[in-house]
């Protein structure tokens, strides 16, 4: 005779495989979701501290001043939760 623990294990394993084999309904993202994803990607790029540093250098800041400003900006960027 098998123990109840063995039966429960087999039962839970069977339900897990059934869930794994169940078809999932996936819908393609709509145009609004695609637009929002592109916009978010654009903002992440433009708000990146390294991008800010490069744009400051392009505007004529010395690399030292641009580095100082972008390092202060990076601290704010991380505190706000934008940087991973």
PDB file of N, CA and C in Angstrom:
ATOM      1  N   UNK A   1       0.836  -1.179   0.000  1.00  0.00           N
ATOM      2  CA  UNK A   1       0.000   0.000   0.000  1.00  0.00           C
ATOM      3  C   UNK A   1       0.885   1.247   0.000  1.00  0.00           C
ATOM      4  N   UNK A   2       0.523   2.212  -0.842  1.00  0.00           N
ATOM      5  CA  UNK A   2       1.312   3.432  -0.942  1.00  0.00           C
ATOM      6  C   UNK A   2       0.870   4.438   0.112  1.00  0.00           C
ATOM      7  N   UNK A   3       1.806   5.246   0.495  1.00  0.00           N
ATOM      8  CA  UNK A   3       1.495   6.238   1.526  1.00  0.00           C
ATOM      9  C   UNK A   3       0.670   7.370   0.922  1.00  0.00           C
ATOM     10  N   UNK A   4      -0.125   8.069   1.757  1.00  0.00           N
ATOM     11  CA  UNK A   4      -0.913   9.200   1.252  1.00  0.00           C
ATOM     12  C   UNK A   4      -0.026  10.302   0.683  1.00  0.00           C
ATOM     13  N   UNK A   5       1.163  10.436   1.230  1.00  0.00           N
ATOM     14  CA  UNK A   5       2.069  11.470   0.737  1.00  0.00           C
ATOM     15  C   UNK A   5       2.421  11.202  -0.726  1.00  0.00           C
ATOM     16  N   UNK A   6       2.654   9.965  -1.055  1.00  0.00           N
ATOM     17  CA  UNK A   6       2.986   9.608  -2.429  1.00  0.00           C
ATOM     18  C   UNK A   6       1.818   9.947  -3.363  1.00  0.00           C
ATOM     19  N   UNK A   7       0.596   9.647  -2.946  1.00  0.00           N
ATOM     20  CA  UNK A   7      -0.590   9.931  -3.748  1.00  0.00           C
ATOM     21  C   UNK A   7      -0.745  11.436  -3.974  1.00  0.00           C
ATOM     22  N   UNK A   8      -0.541  12.231  -2.918  1.00  0.00           N
ATOM     23  CA  UNK A   8      -0.657  13.682  -3.055  1.00  0.00           C
ATOM     24  C   UNK A   8       0.405  14.228  -3.999  1.00  0.00           C
ATOM     25  N   UNK A   9       1.592  13.668  -3.913  1.00  0.00           N
ATOM     26  CA  UNK A   9       2.657  14.118  -4.801  1.00  0.00           C
ATOM     27  C   UNK A   9       2.298  13.841  -6.254  1.00  0.00           C
ATOM     28  N   UNK A  10       1.794  12.638  -6.542  1.00  0.00           N
ATOM     29  CA  UNK A  10       1.418  12.292  -7.907  1.00  0.00           C
ATOM     30  C   UNK A  10       0.271  13.173  -8.393  1.00  0.00           C
ATOM     31  N   UNK A  11      -0.666  13.458  -7.501  1.00  0.00           N
ATOM     32  CA  UNK A  11      -1.805  14.284  -7.878  1.00  0.00           C
ATOM     33  C   UNK A  11      -1.355  15.704  -8.201  1.00  0.00           C
ATOM     34  N   UNK A  12      -0.471  16.269  -7.393  1.00  0.00           N
ATOM     35  CA  UNK A  12      -0.007  17.639  -7.648  1.00  0.00           C
ATOM     36  C   UNK A  12       0.860  17.687  -8.903  1.00  0.00           C
ATOM     37  N   UNK A  13       1.634  16.627  -9.141  1.00  0.00           N
ATOM     38  CA  UNK A  13       2.468  16.586 -10.349  1.00  0.00           C
ATOM     39  C   UNK A  13       1.592  16.507 -11.585  1.00  0.00           C
ATOM     40  N   UNK A  14       0.504  15.756 -11.511  1.00  0.00           N
ATOM     41  CA  UNK A  14      -0.397  15.632 -12.658  1.00  0.00           C
ATOM     42  C   UNK A  14      -1.080  16.958 -12.946  1.00  0.00           C
ATOM     43  N   UNK A  15      -1.506  17.674 -11.912  1.00  0.00           N
ATOM     44  CA  UNK A  15      -2.181  18.950 -12.150  1.00  0.00           C
ATOM     45  C   UNK A  15      -1.196  19.988 -12.692  1.00  0.00           C
ATOM     46  N   UNK A  16       0.057  19.909 -12.268  1.00  0.00           N
ATOM     47  CA  UNK A  16       1.058  20.848 -12.776  1.00  0.00           C
ATOM     48  C   UNK A  16       1.320  20.618 -14.255  1.00  0.00           C
ATOM     49  N   UNK A  17       1.365  19.344 -14.684  1.00  0.00           N
ATOM     50  CA  UNK A  17       1.597  19.085 -16.102  1.00  0.00           C
ATOM     51  C   UNK A  17       0.377  19.464 -16.930  1.00  0.00           C
ATOM     52  N   UNK A  18      -0.822  19.304 -16.370  1.00  0.00           N
ATOM     53  CA  UNK A  18      -2.025  19.720 -17.097  1.00  0.00           C
ATOM     54  C   UNK A  18      -2.031  21.228 -17.302  1.00  0.00           C
ATOM     55  N   UNK A  19      -1.629  21.974 -16.268  1.00  0.00           N
ATOM     56  CA  UNK A  19      -1.577  23.431 -16.388  1.00  0.00           C
ATOM     57  C   UNK A  19      -0.528  23.850 -17.402  1.00  0.00           C
ATOM     58  N   UNK A  20       0.589  23.135 -17.420  1.00  0.00           N
ATOM     59  CA  UNK A  20       1.654  23.490 -18.353  1.00  0.00           C
ATOM     60  C   UNK A  20       1.241  23.215 -19.795  1.00  0.00           C
ATOM     61  N   UNK A  21       0.403  22.187 -20.013  1.00  0.00           N
ATOM     62  CA  UNK A  21      -0.016  21.839 -21.360  1.00  0.00           C
ATOM     63  C   UNK A  21      -1.266  22.589 -21.800  1.00  0.00           C
ATOM     64  N   UNK A  22      -1.918  23.289 -20.897  1.00  0.00           N
ATOM     65  CA  UNK A  22      -3.142  24.009 -21.253  1.00  0.00           C
ATOM     66  C   UNK A  22      -2.793  25.145 -22.209  1.00  0.00           C
ATOM     67  N   UNK A  23      -3.560  25.293 -23.270  1.00  0.00           N
ATOM     68  CA  UNK A  23      -3.269  26.382 -24.201  1.00  0.00           C
ATOM     69  C   UNK A  23      -3.551  27.726 -23.553  1.00  0.00           C
ATOM     70  N   UNK A  24      -2.684  28.668 -23.829  1.00  0.00           N
ATOM     71  CA  UNK A  24      -2.889  30.016 -23.306  1.00  0.00           C
ATOM     72  C   UNK A  24      -3.329  30.903 -24.454  1.00  0.00           C
ATOM     73  N   UNK A  25      -4.222  31.786 -24.156  1.00  0.00           N
ATOM     74  CA  UNK A  25      -4.704  32.712 -25.170  1.00  0.00           C
ATOM     75  C   UNK A  25      -3.844  33.965 -25.140  1.00  0.00           C
ATOM     76  N   UNK A  26      -3.109  34.177 -26.186  1.00  0.00           N
ATOM     77  CA  UNK A  26      -2.272  35.361 -26.289  1.00  0.00           C
ATOM     78  C   UNK A  26      -2.861  36.274 -27.355  1.00  0.00           C
ATOM     79  N   UNK A  27      -2.978  37.514 -27.018  1.00  0.00           N
ATOM     80  CA  UNK A  27      -3.480  38.461 -28.000  1.00  0.00           C
ATOM     81  C   UNK A  27      -2.341  39.373 -28.414  1.00  0.00           C
ATOM     82  N   UNK A  28      -2.348  39.749 -29.631  1.00  0.00           N
ATOM     83  CA  UNK A  28      -1.328  40.663 -30.128  1.00  0.00           C
ATOM     84  C   UNK A  28      -1.580  42.042 -29.545  1.00  0.00           C
ATOM     85  N   UNK A  29      -0.514  42.752 -29.205  1.00  0.00           N
ATOM     86  CA  UNK A  29      -0.714  44.091 -28.658  1.00  0.00           C
ATOM     87  C   UNK A  29      -1.346  45.002 -29.697  1.00  0.00           C
ATOM     88  N   UNK A  30      -2.225  45.826 -29.225  1.00  0.00           N
ATOM     89  CA  UNK A  30      -2.906  46.759 -30.113  1.00  0.00           C
ATOM     90  C   UNK A  30      -2.014  47.934 -30.473  1.00  0.00           C
ATOM     91  N   UNK A  31      -2.501  48.820 -31.331  1.00  0.00           N
ATOM     92  CA  UNK A  31      -1.684  49.961 -31.752  1.00  0.00           C
ATOM     93  C   UNK A  31      -1.342  50.896 -30.592  1.00  0.00           C
ATOM     94  N   UNK A  32      -2.250  51.023 -29.637  1.00  0.00           N
ATOM     95  CA  UNK A  32      -1.974  51.913 -28.501  1.00  0.00           C
ATOM     96  C   UNK A  32      -0.834  51.353 -27.647  1.00  0.00           C
ATOM     97  N   UNK A  33      -0.842  50.038 -27.402  1.00  0.00           N
ATOM     98  CA  UNK A  33       0.213  49.424 -26.607  1.00  0.00           C
ATOM     99  C   UNK A  33       1.566  49.534 -27.304  1.00  0.00           C
ATOM    100  N   UNK A  34       1.565  49.359 -28.626  1.00  0.00           N
ATOM    101  CA  UNK A  34       2.820  49.497 -29.374  1.00  0.00           C
ATOM    102  C   UNK A  34       3.339  50.926 -29.318  1.00  0.00           C
ATOM    103  N   UNK A  35       2.444  51.890 -29.445  1.00  0.00           N
ATOM    104  CA  UNK A  35       2.838  53.293 -29.379  1.00  0.00           C
ATOM    105  C   UNK A  35       3.404  53.624 -28.004  1.00  0.00           C
ATOM    106  N   UNK A  36       2.755  53.144 -26.951  1.00  0.00           N
ATOM    107  CA  UNK A  36       3.231  53.411 -25.599  1.00  0.00           C
ATOM    108  C   UNK A  36       4.585  52.744 -25.351  1.00  0.00           C
ATOM    109  N   UNK A  37       4.788  51.566 -25.888  1.00  0.00           N
ATOM    110  CA  UNK A  37       6.072  50.877 -25.730  1.00  0.00           C
ATOM    111  C   UNK A  37       7.182  51.650 -26.434  1.00  0.00           C
ATOM    112  N   UNK A  38       6.899  52.158 -27.611  1.00  0.00           N
ATOM    113  CA  UNK A  38       7.906  52.955 -28.334  1.00  0.00           C
ATOM    114  C   UNK A  38       8.208  54.254 -27.602  1.00  0.00           C
ATOM    115  N   UNK A  39       7.161  54.885 -27.065  1.00  0.00           N
ATOM    116  CA  UNK A  39       7.336  56.135 -26.338  1.00  0.00           C
ATOM    117  C   UNK A  39       8.163  55.911 -25.076  1.00  0.00           C
ATOM    118  N   UNK A  40       7.881  54.821 -24.360  1.00  0.00           N
ATOM    119  CA  UNK A  40       8.638  54.509 -23.157  1.00  0.00           C
ATOM    120  C   UNK A  40      10.106  54.250 -23.491  1.00  0.00           C
ATOM    121  N   UNK A  41      10.342  53.526 -24.554  1.00  0.00           N
ATOM    122  CA  UNK A  41      11.712  53.248 -24.981  1.00  0.00           C
ATOM    123  C   UNK A  41      12.443  54.547 -25.331  1.00  0.00           C
ATOM    124  N   UNK A  42      11.752  55.445 -26.017  1.00  0.00           N
ATOM    125  CA  UNK A  42      12.341  56.740 -26.377  1.00  0.00           C
ATOM    126  C   UNK A  42      12.691  57.540 -25.121  1.00  0.00           C
ATOM    127  N   UNK A  43      11.771  57.575 -24.153  1.00  0.00           N
ATOM    128  CA  UNK A  43      12.036  58.316 -22.914  1.00  0.00           C
ATOM    129  C   UNK A  43      13.196  57.704 -22.140  1.00  0.00           C
ATOM    130  N   UNK A  44      13.252  56.382 -22.069  1.00  0.00           N
ATOM    131  CA  UNK A  44      14.360  55.736 -21.373  1.00  0.00           C
ATOM    132  C   UNK A  44      15.687  56.098 -22.027  1.00  0.00           C
ATOM    133  N   UNK A  45      15.689  56.196 -23.336  1.00  0.00           N
ATOM    134  CA  UNK A  45      16.916  56.561 -24.041  1.00  0.00           C
ATOM    135  C   UNK A  45      17.300  58.006 -23.754  1.00  0.00           C
ATOM    136  N   UNK A  46      16.343  58.910 -23.880  1.00  0.00           N
ATOM    137  CA  UNK A  46      16.644  60.337 -23.714  1.00  0.00           C
ATOM    138  C   UNK A  46      16.945  60.720 -22.274  1.00  0.00           C
ATOM    139  N   UNK A  47      16.383  60.016 -21.312  1.00  0.00           N
ATOM    140  CA  UNK A  47      16.594  60.345 -19.910  1.00  0.00           C
ATOM    141  C   UNK A  47      17.773  59.599 -19.292  1.00  0.00           C
ATOM    142  N   UNK A  48      18.431  58.771 -20.065  1.00  0.00           N
ATOM    143  CA  UNK A  48      19.592  58.039 -19.593  1.00  0.00           C
ATOM    144  C   UNK A  48      20.706  59.029 -19.249  1.00  0.00           C
ATOM    145  N   UNK A  49      21.325  58.896 -18.072  1.00  0.00           N
ATOM    146  CA  UNK A  49      22.376  59.846 -17.678  1.00  0.00           C
ATOM    147  C   UNK A  49      23.536  59.934 -18.669  1.00  0.00           C
ATOM    148  N   UNK A  50      23.903  58.847 -19.306  1.00  0.00           N
ATOM    149  CA  UNK A  50      24.978  58.919 -20.295  1.00  0.00           C
ATOM    150  C   UNK A  50      24.544  59.736 -21.505  1.00  0.00           C
ATOM    151  N   UNK A  51      23.294  59.597 -21.897  1.00  0.00           N
ATOM    152  CA  UNK A  51      22.767  60.393 -23.004  1.00  0.00           C
ATOM    153  C   UNK A  51      22.775  61.875 -22.627  1.00  0.00           C
ATOM    154  N   UNK A  52      22.395  62.184 -21.391  1.00  0.00           N
ATOM    155  CA  UNK A  52      22.408  63.572 -20.915  1.00  0.00           C
ATOM    156  C   UNK A  52      23.832  64.118 -20.957  1.00  0.00           C
ATOM    157  N   UNK A  53      24.799  63.325 -20.509  1.00  0.00           N
ATOM    158  CA  UNK A  53      26.199  63.733 -20.547  1.00  0.00           C
ATOM    159  C   UNK A  53      26.638  64.066 -21.979  1.00  0.00           C
ATOM    160  N   UNK A  54      26.286  63.200 -22.916  1.00  0.00           N
ATOM    161  CA  UNK A  54      26.680  63.421 -24.311  1.00  0.00           C
ATOM    162  C   UNK A  54      26.036  64.684 -24.877  1.00  0.00           C
ATOM    163  N   UNK A  55      24.772  64.919 -24.548  1.00  0.00           N
ATOM    164  CA  UNK A  55      24.091  66.117 -25.049  1.00  0.00           C
ATOM    165  C   UNK A  55      24.676  67.378 -24.430  1.00  0.00           C
ATOM    166  N   UNK A  56      25.102  67.320 -23.163  1.00  0.00           N
ATOM    167  CA  UNK A  56      25.747  68.477 -22.540  1.00  0.00           C
ATOM    168  C   UNK A  56      27.074  68.776 -23.235  1.00  0.00           C
ATOM    169  N   UNK A  57      27.828  67.726 -23.549  1.00  0.00           N
ATOM    170  CA  UNK A  57      29.087  67.932 -24.286  1.00  0.00           C
ATOM    171  C   UNK A  57      28.817  68.519 -25.666  1.00  0.00           C
ATOM    172  N   UNK A  58      27.740  68.057 -26.322  1.00  0.00           N
ATOM    173  CA  UNK A  58      27.378  68.601 -27.629  1.00  0.00           C
ATOM    174  C   UNK A  58      27.020  70.078 -27.551  1.00  0.00           C
ATOM    175  N   UNK A  59      26.474  70.497 -26.415  1.00  0.00           N
ATOM    176  CA  UNK A  59      26.062  71.896 -26.231  1.00  0.00           C
ATOM    177  C   UNK A  59      27.221  72.801 -25.839  1.00  0.00           C
ATOM    178  N   UNK A  60      28.405  72.256 -25.677  1.00  0.00           N
ATOM    179  CA  UNK A  60      29.578  73.076 -25.420  1.00  0.00           C
ATOM    180  C   UNK A  60      30.078  73.053 -23.988  1.00  0.00           C
ATOM    181  N   UNK A  61      29.486  72.238 -23.122  1.00  0.00           N
ATOM    182  CA  UNK A  61      30.000  72.114 -21.761  1.00  0.00           C
ATOM    183  C   UNK A  61      31.330  71.371 -21.817  1.00  0.00           C
ATOM    184  N   UNK A  62      32.234  71.732 -20.917  1.00  0.00           N
ATOM    185  CA  UNK A  62      33.474  70.950 -20.829  1.00  0.00           C
ATOM    186  C   UNK A  62      33.121  69.556 -20.323  1.00  0.00           C
ATOM    187  N   UNK A  63      33.981  68.606 -20.613  1.00  0.00           N
ATOM    188  CA  UNK A  63      33.661  67.240 -20.191  1.00  0.00           C
ATOM    189  C   UNK A  63      33.610  67.140 -18.668  1.00  0.00           C
ATOM    190  N   UNK A  64      34.409  67.935 -17.978  1.00  0.00           N
ATOM    191  CA  UNK A  64      34.386  67.916 -16.511  1.00  0.00           C
ATOM    192  C   UNK A  64      33.054  68.443 -15.982  1.00  0.00           C
ATOM    193  N   UNK A  65      32.593  69.567 -16.509  1.00  0.00           N
ATOM    194  CA  UNK A  65      31.314  70.138 -16.064  1.00  0.00           C
ATOM    195  C   UNK A  65      30.153  69.217 -16.436  1.00  0.00           C
ATOM    196  N   UNK A  66      30.201  68.655 -17.629  1.00  0.00           N
ATOM    197  CA  UNK A  66      29.142  67.746 -18.064  1.00  0.00           C
ATOM    198  C   UNK A  66      29.111  66.500 -17.187  1.00  0.00           C
ATOM    199  N   UNK A  67      30.287  66.004 -16.816  1.00  0.00           N
ATOM    200  CA  UNK A  67      30.353  64.823 -15.947  1.00  0.00           C
ATOM    201  C   UNK A  67      29.769  65.129 -14.574  1.00  0.00           C
ATOM    202  N   UNK A  68      30.087  66.313 -14.032  1.00  0.00           N
ATOM    203  CA  UNK A  68      29.538  66.687 -12.718  1.00  0.00           C
ATOM    204  C   UNK A  68      28.018  66.819 -12.778  1.00  0.00           C
ATOM    205  N   UNK A  69      27.521  67.520 -13.788  1.00  0.00           N
ATOM    206  CA  UNK A  69      26.069  67.686 -13.909  1.00  0.00           C
ATOM    207  C   UNK A  69      25.370  66.358 -14.130  1.00  0.00           C
ATOM    208  N   UNK A  70      25.926  65.517 -14.978  1.00  0.00           N
ATOM    209  CA  UNK A  70      25.267  64.239 -15.245  1.00  0.00           C
ATOM    210  C   UNK A  70      25.357  63.295 -14.050  1.00  0.00           C
ATOM    211  N   UNK A  71      26.398  63.424 -13.221  1.00  0.00           N
ATOM    212  CA  UNK A  71      26.468  62.575 -12.027  1.00  0.00           C
ATOM    213  C   UNK A  71      25.411  62.997 -11.008  1.00  0.00           C
ATOM    214  N   UNK A  72      25.165  64.296 -10.881  1.00  0.00           N
ATOM    215  CA  UNK A  72      24.081  64.764 -10.010  1.00  0.00           C
ATOM    216  C   UNK A  72      22.746  64.287 -10.572  1.00  0.00           C
ATOM    217  N   UNK A  73      22.589  64.414 -11.871  1.00  0.00           N
ATOM    218  CA  UNK A  73      21.357  63.948 -12.510  1.00  0.00           C
ATOM    219  C   UNK A  73      21.176  62.447 -12.325  1.00  0.00           C
ATOM    220  N   UNK A  74      22.271  61.689 -12.390  1.00  0.00           N
ATOM    221  CA  UNK A  74      22.174  60.234 -12.234  1.00  0.00           C
ATOM    222  C   UNK A  74      21.667  59.861 -10.846  1.00  0.00           C
ATOM    223  N   UNK A  75      22.094  60.605  -9.831  1.00  0.00           N
ATOM    224  CA  UNK A  75      21.596  60.327  -8.474  1.00  0.00           C
ATOM    225  C   UNK A  75      20.086  60.530  -8.413  1.00  0.00           C
ATOM    226  N   UNK A  76      19.603  61.615  -9.000  1.00  0.00           N
ATOM    227  CA  UNK A  76      18.162  61.866  -9.042  1.00  0.00           C
ATOM    228  C   UNK A  76      17.448  60.792  -9.849  1.00  0.00           C
ATOM    229  N   UNK A  77      18.056  60.414 -10.933  1.00  0.00           N
ATOM    230  CA  UNK A  77      17.505  59.381 -11.832  1.00  0.00           C
ATOM    231  C   UNK A  77      17.312  58.069 -11.076  1.00  0.00           C
ATOM    232  N   UNK A  78      18.294  57.697 -10.255  1.00  0.00           N
ATOM    233  CA  UNK A  78      18.203  56.439  -9.505  1.00  0.00           C
ATOM    234  C   UNK A  78      17.216  56.542  -8.347  1.00  0.00           C
ATOM    235  N   UNK A  79      17.188  57.713  -7.669  1.00  0.00           N
ATOM    236  CA  UNK A  79      16.273  57.894  -6.545  1.00  0.00           C
ATOM    237  C   UNK A  79      14.816  57.803  -7.036  1.00  0.00           C
ATOM    238  N   UNK A  80      14.564  58.319  -8.207  1.00  0.00           N
ATOM    239  CA  UNK A  80      13.198  58.293  -8.769  1.00  0.00           C
ATOM    240  C   UNK A  80      12.809  56.898  -9.268  1.00  0.00           C
ATOM    241  N   UNK A  81      13.759  55.983  -9.275  1.00  0.00           N
ATOM    242  CA  UNK A  81      13.451  54.609  -9.690  1.00  0.00           C
ATOM    243  C   UNK A  81      13.543  54.378 -11.173  1.00  0.00           C
ATOM    244  N   UNK A  82      14.130  55.301 -11.896  1.00  0.00           N
ATOM    245  CA  UNK A  82      14.244  55.122 -13.349  1.00  0.00           C
ATOM    246  C   UNK A  82      15.416  54.233 -13.712  1.00  0.00           C
ATOM    247  N   UNK A  83      16.472  54.279 -12.932  1.00  0.00           N
ATOM    248  CA  UNK A  83      17.640  53.443 -13.206  1.00  0.00           C
ATOM    249  C   UNK A  83      17.537  52.122 -12.489  1.00  0.00           C
ATOM    250  N   UNK A  84      17.814  51.038 -13.210  1.00  0.00           N
ATOM    251  CA  UNK A  84      17.686  49.690 -12.677  1.00  0.00           C
ATOM    252  C   UNK A  84      18.532  49.419 -11.534  1.00  0.00           C
TER     253      UNK A  84
END
